[in-house]
Protein backbone atom coordinates (compact mmCIF):
# COMPACT_ATOMS: atom_id res chain seq x y z
CA MET A 1 135.37 192.64 232.37
CA THR A 2 132.70 190.35 230.59
CA PRO A 3 131.36 190.45 227.64
CA THR A 4 128.20 191.92 228.60
CA ASN A 5 129.47 194.63 230.41
CA LEU A 6 131.69 196.00 227.56
CA LEU A 7 128.74 195.30 225.52
CA LYS A 8 126.55 197.53 227.64
CA ASP A 9 129.54 200.57 227.86
CA GLU A 10 129.62 200.56 224.23
CA ILE A 11 126.05 201.15 223.95
CA GLU A 12 126.45 203.66 227.06
CA GLN A 13 128.69 205.31 224.84
CA VAL A 14 126.54 205.80 221.70
CA ASN A 15 124.03 206.95 223.57
CA LYS A 16 126.14 209.79 225.05
CA TYR A 17 126.81 210.66 221.37
CA TYR A 18 123.58 210.06 220.06
CA GLU A 19 122.28 212.67 223.06
CA LEU A 20 124.94 215.11 222.22
CA ILE A 21 124.45 215.61 218.60
CA LEU A 22 120.85 215.71 219.39
CA ASP A 23 121.10 218.36 221.46
CA PHE A 24 123.49 220.35 218.92
CA PHE A 25 120.63 220.07 216.62
CA ALA A 26 118.02 221.19 218.79
CA ASN A 27 120.11 224.04 219.70
CA TYR A 28 121.50 224.91 216.49
CA SER A 29 119.54 223.67 213.99
CA PHE A 30 117.86 227.16 213.35
CA GLN A 31 121.57 228.80 213.28
CA LEU A 32 122.77 226.26 211.14
CA VAL A 33 119.48 226.24 208.70
CA GLY A 34 120.09 230.22 208.64
CA ALA A 35 123.85 230.04 207.96
CA LEU A 36 123.45 227.52 204.79
CA ILE A 37 120.88 230.18 203.39
CA ILE A 38 122.84 233.19 204.30
CA PHE A 39 125.81 231.57 202.18
CA VAL A 40 123.91 230.29 199.46
CA ILE A 41 121.96 233.47 199.04
CA GLY A 42 124.87 235.57 199.61
CA TYR A 43 127.00 233.17 196.78
CA LEU A 44 124.23 233.52 194.11
CA VAL A 45 124.26 237.30 194.36
CA ALA A 46 127.91 237.36 194.32
CA GLY A 47 127.90 235.92 191.03
CA LYS A 48 125.18 238.02 189.72
CA ILE A 49 127.24 241.40 190.91
CA ALA A 50 130.17 239.64 189.45
CA ALA A 51 128.45 239.78 186.05
CA TRP A 52 126.89 243.16 186.43
CA VAL A 53 130.27 244.53 186.86
CA LEU A 54 132.32 243.14 184.13
CA LYS A 55 128.90 243.94 181.64
CA LEU A 56 129.49 247.80 183.14
CA CYS A 57 133.06 247.24 182.63
CA GLU A 58 132.65 245.43 178.80
CA ARG A 59 129.82 248.95 178.11
CA HIS A 60 132.38 250.95 178.96
CA LYS A 61 134.85 249.93 176.82
CA LEU A 62 137.43 248.73 179.29
CA ASP A 63 139.87 246.15 178.85
CA VAL A 64 139.25 242.66 178.77
CA THR A 65 141.88 241.65 181.44
CA LEU A 66 140.82 244.42 183.41
CA SER A 67 137.10 243.46 183.20
CA ARG A 68 137.54 239.69 184.46
CA PHE A 69 139.59 241.08 187.26
CA LEU A 70 137.51 243.56 188.55
CA ALA A 71 134.53 241.04 188.33
CA ASN A 72 136.34 238.22 189.84
CA THR A 73 137.58 240.48 192.49
CA SER A 74 134.21 242.01 193.60
CA LYS A 75 133.25 238.10 193.81
CA MET A 76 135.80 237.03 195.85
CA LEU A 77 135.27 240.09 198.82
CA ILE A 78 131.08 239.32 198.37
CA VAL A 79 132.23 235.93 198.89
CA VAL A 80 134.11 236.41 202.32
CA MET A 81 132.00 239.24 203.86
CA ILE A 82 128.68 236.60 203.37
CA THR A 83 131.61 233.68 204.87
CA ILE A 84 132.04 235.88 207.74
CA ILE A 85 128.06 236.71 208.42
CA ALA A 86 127.05 233.18 207.85
CA LEU A 87 129.93 232.48 211.05
CA GLY A 88 128.54 234.80 213.01
CA LYS A 89 125.05 233.42 212.87
CA LEU A 90 126.38 230.59 214.50
CA GLY A 91 127.96 232.11 217.26
CA ILE A 92 131.79 231.88 216.10
CA SER A 93 133.87 234.24 216.36
CA VAL A 94 136.19 235.16 213.70
CA THR A 95 138.71 237.10 215.72
CA PRO A 96 140.55 233.96 216.29
CA PHE A 97 140.15 232.67 212.60
CA ILE A 98 141.94 236.31 211.79
CA ALA A 99 144.60 235.81 213.92
CA ALA A 100 145.40 232.35 212.74
CA ILE A 101 144.94 233.56 208.72
CA GLY A 102 147.99 236.19 209.54
CA ALA A 103 150.22 233.87 211.35
CA ILE A 104 149.59 231.17 208.42
CA SER A 105 150.09 233.88 206.10
CA LEU A 106 153.10 234.82 207.40
CA GLY A 107 154.61 231.63 207.07
CA ALA A 108 152.94 230.98 203.90
CA GLY A 109 154.74 233.69 202.62
CA LEU A 110 158.42 232.83 203.51
CA ALA A 111 157.44 229.39 202.12
CA LEU A 112 155.83 230.61 198.74
CA GLN A 113 158.05 233.30 197.65
CA GLY A 114 157.99 232.59 193.95
CA LEU A 115 154.31 231.96 193.94
CA LEU A 116 153.65 235.31 195.77
CA ALA A 117 156.74 237.17 193.35
CA ASN A 118 153.72 235.59 190.41
CA TYR A 119 150.91 237.00 191.94
CA ALA A 120 152.63 240.20 192.21
CA ALA A 121 153.73 240.69 188.53
CA GLY A 122 149.80 239.56 187.28
CA PHE A 123 148.76 242.30 189.63
CA ASN A 124 151.44 244.62 187.70
CA ILE A 125 150.70 243.39 184.29
CA ILE A 126 146.40 244.13 185.12
CA LEU A 127 147.27 247.47 186.41
CA ILE A 128 149.97 248.80 183.60
CA ARG A 129 148.44 246.56 180.77
CA PRO A 130 151.66 245.75 178.81
CA PHE A 131 149.49 244.01 177.00
CA VAL A 132 145.68 242.75 176.47
CA VAL A 133 144.23 239.57 175.22
CA GLY A 134 144.38 239.17 171.45
CA ASP A 135 147.83 240.28 171.38
CA THR A 136 150.64 238.28 170.20
CA ILE A 137 153.81 238.54 172.49
CA GLU A 138 157.05 237.40 172.43
CA VAL A 139 159.01 236.64 175.49
CA GLN A 140 161.54 234.18 177.00
CA GLY A 141 161.56 232.55 173.93
CA VAL A 142 158.14 231.95 173.78
CA LYS A 143 155.79 233.68 171.10
CA GLY A 144 151.72 233.29 171.35
CA LEU A 145 148.51 235.00 171.11
CA VAL A 146 146.74 236.17 174.87
CA GLU A 147 144.39 234.04 175.92
CA GLU A 148 143.92 235.04 178.99
CA VAL A 149 145.75 237.14 181.74
CA LEU A 150 145.33 235.29 185.78
CA LEU A 151 147.06 236.57 188.62
CA ALA A 152 149.54 233.78 188.61
CA TYR A 153 150.43 233.25 185.12
CA THR A 154 149.28 234.12 181.42
CA ILE A 155 147.96 231.85 179.16
CA LEU A 156 149.48 231.98 175.49
CA ARG A 157 148.07 229.98 172.49
CA ASP A 158 149.97 229.27 168.96
CA GLU A 159 148.57 228.45 165.39
CA ASP A 160 149.12 224.39 166.76
CA ASP A 161 146.27 224.89 169.05
CA VAL A 162 148.85 224.27 171.75
CA GLN A 163 147.91 226.33 175.47
CA ILE A 164 151.53 227.74 176.72
CA MET A 165 151.38 229.06 180.76
CA ILE A 166 154.40 231.39 181.27
CA PRO A 167 154.20 232.64 185.17
CA ASN A 168 154.16 236.16 185.30
CA LYS A 169 157.15 236.98 187.15
CA HIS A 170 158.97 235.67 184.39
CA ILE A 171 157.17 238.25 181.96
CA VAL A 172 157.74 241.32 184.53
CA GLY A 173 160.96 243.05 183.77
CA GLU A 174 161.77 241.05 180.59
CA VAL A 175 162.32 242.05 177.16
CA LEU A 176 158.83 241.90 175.76
CA HIS A 177 157.52 241.82 172.19
CA ASN A 178 154.12 242.61 171.19
CA SER A 179 153.16 243.31 168.11
CA SER A 180 149.08 243.22 168.89
CA HIS A 181 147.28 240.46 167.15
CA ASP A 182 149.69 240.03 164.00
CA SER A 183 152.93 238.16 163.63
CA LEU A 184 155.82 239.12 161.19
CA VAL A 185 156.53 236.51 157.83
CA GLU A 186 159.58 237.12 156.33
CA LEU A 187 160.36 235.33 153.25
CA SER A 188 163.07 235.54 150.35
CA VAL A 189 163.29 234.35 146.48
CA GLY A 190 166.48 234.76 144.42
CA ILE A 191 166.40 235.58 140.68
CA ASP A 192 169.24 235.37 137.84
CA TYR A 193 170.96 238.55 137.11
CA ARG A 194 169.42 239.05 133.99
CA HIS A 195 165.96 240.12 135.41
CA ASN A 196 164.98 243.16 136.39
CA PRO A 197 164.84 243.35 140.38
CA VAL A 198 162.35 246.35 140.21
CA GLU A 199 160.14 244.39 137.49
CA VAL A 200 160.32 241.65 139.85
CA ILE A 201 159.44 243.44 143.20
CA ALA A 202 156.12 245.22 141.22
CA LEU A 203 154.85 241.77 140.41
CA LEU A 204 155.26 240.38 143.46
CA GLU A 205 153.56 243.45 145.15
CA LYS A 206 150.78 242.84 142.55
CA THR A 207 151.04 239.12 143.41
CA LEU A 208 150.89 239.70 147.41
CA ALA A 209 147.99 242.12 147.30
CA GLY A 210 145.51 239.06 146.65
CA LEU A 211 147.22 236.80 149.55
CA ASP A 212 144.45 235.82 151.86
CA GLY A 213 145.21 235.82 155.54
CA ALA A 214 147.34 238.89 155.22
CA SER A 215 146.85 241.75 158.01
CA SER A 216 144.84 244.88 156.81
CA HIS A 217 146.91 246.78 158.39
CA ARG A 218 149.87 247.01 157.27
CA ALA A 219 150.94 246.21 153.58
CA PRO A 220 153.81 243.56 152.68
CA LEU A 221 157.36 245.30 152.54
CA ILE A 222 158.97 244.19 148.82
CA GLY A 223 162.74 244.96 148.16
CA ILE A 224 166.37 244.11 146.98
CA ASP A 225 167.88 242.22 150.07
CA GLU A 226 171.09 241.61 148.78
CA PHE A 227 173.07 241.18 145.86
CA ALA A 228 174.74 237.34 146.47
CA ASP A 229 177.09 235.62 144.32
CA SER A 230 174.44 233.60 142.35
CA ALA A 231 171.82 235.74 142.54
CA ILE A 232 169.74 238.91 143.32
CA THR A 233 167.69 238.34 146.85
CA ILE A 234 164.43 239.75 146.93
CA ALA A 235 163.16 239.75 150.61
CA ILE A 236 159.47 239.73 151.39
CA ARG A 237 158.22 240.72 154.83
CA LEU A 238 154.60 240.66 155.77
CA TRP A 239 152.41 240.57 158.74
CA ALA A 240 149.61 237.53 159.04
CA PRO A 241 147.34 237.13 162.37
CA THR A 242 149.13 234.66 164.37
CA VAL A 243 147.16 231.94 164.38
CA ASN A 244 147.29 231.69 160.93
CA LEU A 245 150.83 232.69 160.58
CA TYR A 246 152.10 229.15 159.27
CA ALA A 247 149.54 229.19 156.72
CA THR A 248 149.67 232.14 155.50
CA LYS A 249 153.56 231.74 154.99
CA TYR A 250 153.17 228.27 152.73
CA LYS A 251 150.39 230.14 150.51
CA ALA A 252 152.62 233.30 149.95
CA ASN A 253 155.56 231.21 148.78
CA GLU A 254 153.33 228.90 146.60
CA MET A 255 151.91 231.88 145.04
CA ILE A 256 155.33 233.81 144.86
CA TYR A 257 156.50 230.71 142.95
CA ALA A 258 154.00 230.51 140.54
CA ALA A 259 154.09 234.23 139.84
CA LEU A 260 157.78 233.87 138.68
CA GLU A 261 157.05 230.70 137.03
CA GLN A 262 154.57 232.21 135.15
CA ALA A 263 156.53 235.17 133.83
CA GLN A 264 159.65 232.93 133.39
CA ILE A 265 161.46 234.66 136.13
CA LYS A 266 164.59 232.19 136.36
CA ILE A 267 165.23 231.40 140.33
CA PRO A 268 168.96 230.20 140.13
CA TYR A 269 170.99 227.81 142.05
CA PRO A 270 174.63 228.46 143.42
CA GLN A 271 176.99 227.64 140.79
CA ARG A 272 180.55 228.66 139.84
CA ASP A 273 182.18 228.51 136.07
CA VAL A 274 185.76 226.67 136.27
CA HIS A 275 188.06 227.99 133.22
CA LEU A 276 191.07 226.13 132.77
CA ILE A 277 194.25 227.24 130.85
CA LYS A 278 196.66 225.28 129.44
CA SER A 279 200.13 226.03 129.63
CA ALA A 280 202.02 227.26 126.19
């Protein structure tokens, strides 16, 4: 075959494709435009409805996590319905797609059991609500302020502004510590046996009453923790917002030291007296 004939065949094929494209747009241009308009308008309406649902839930003082879940779910359902309508406008039957989605879902369910377990656990958290956004939880050795609860995972944030993402399957069914929005700060200080521990406790209660950043819902607990070998140990338990946990702890230690120093209360260090006995 000569180069001229090859070029002629290629030009004919290009013309066939060109005519096919022209015929497609001539026959389905209005359907394409209509489907696109339906989808765009439907997507915008879905966003408006989701925002309305969120405001409605907030107006009725529903939980933040549940409110966001209802808003996102309503938007997703509307987008799916609009997509089906748009495909119908193009003359595409959705029945084969539904059957294919069912088969794919079965295979994906077997392959993604862990991911589905996370979604099931997330749905359980949203319904039962063992914690909500703003609570401080500790689970699997991880502690932080709940920032957002999603279907697949829960996002925590600690005082160092580190974002911690915990798969929901590691939360449901585990031992969960929920201290609302506060965390416990445990401190201790030793005083010499020559001082009155009751007076020292009263001094520390007065001192920590002016501690900025401590929780206003719970008063600090201060008492004698132990009669040690070299000191009387005074224990302090106070609560502080999780986002200011270590800042509050360091400030409390500073105030305790300053108060004891001003009152001339000695903080002893471990020591031992050795007596040598001479033989007769």
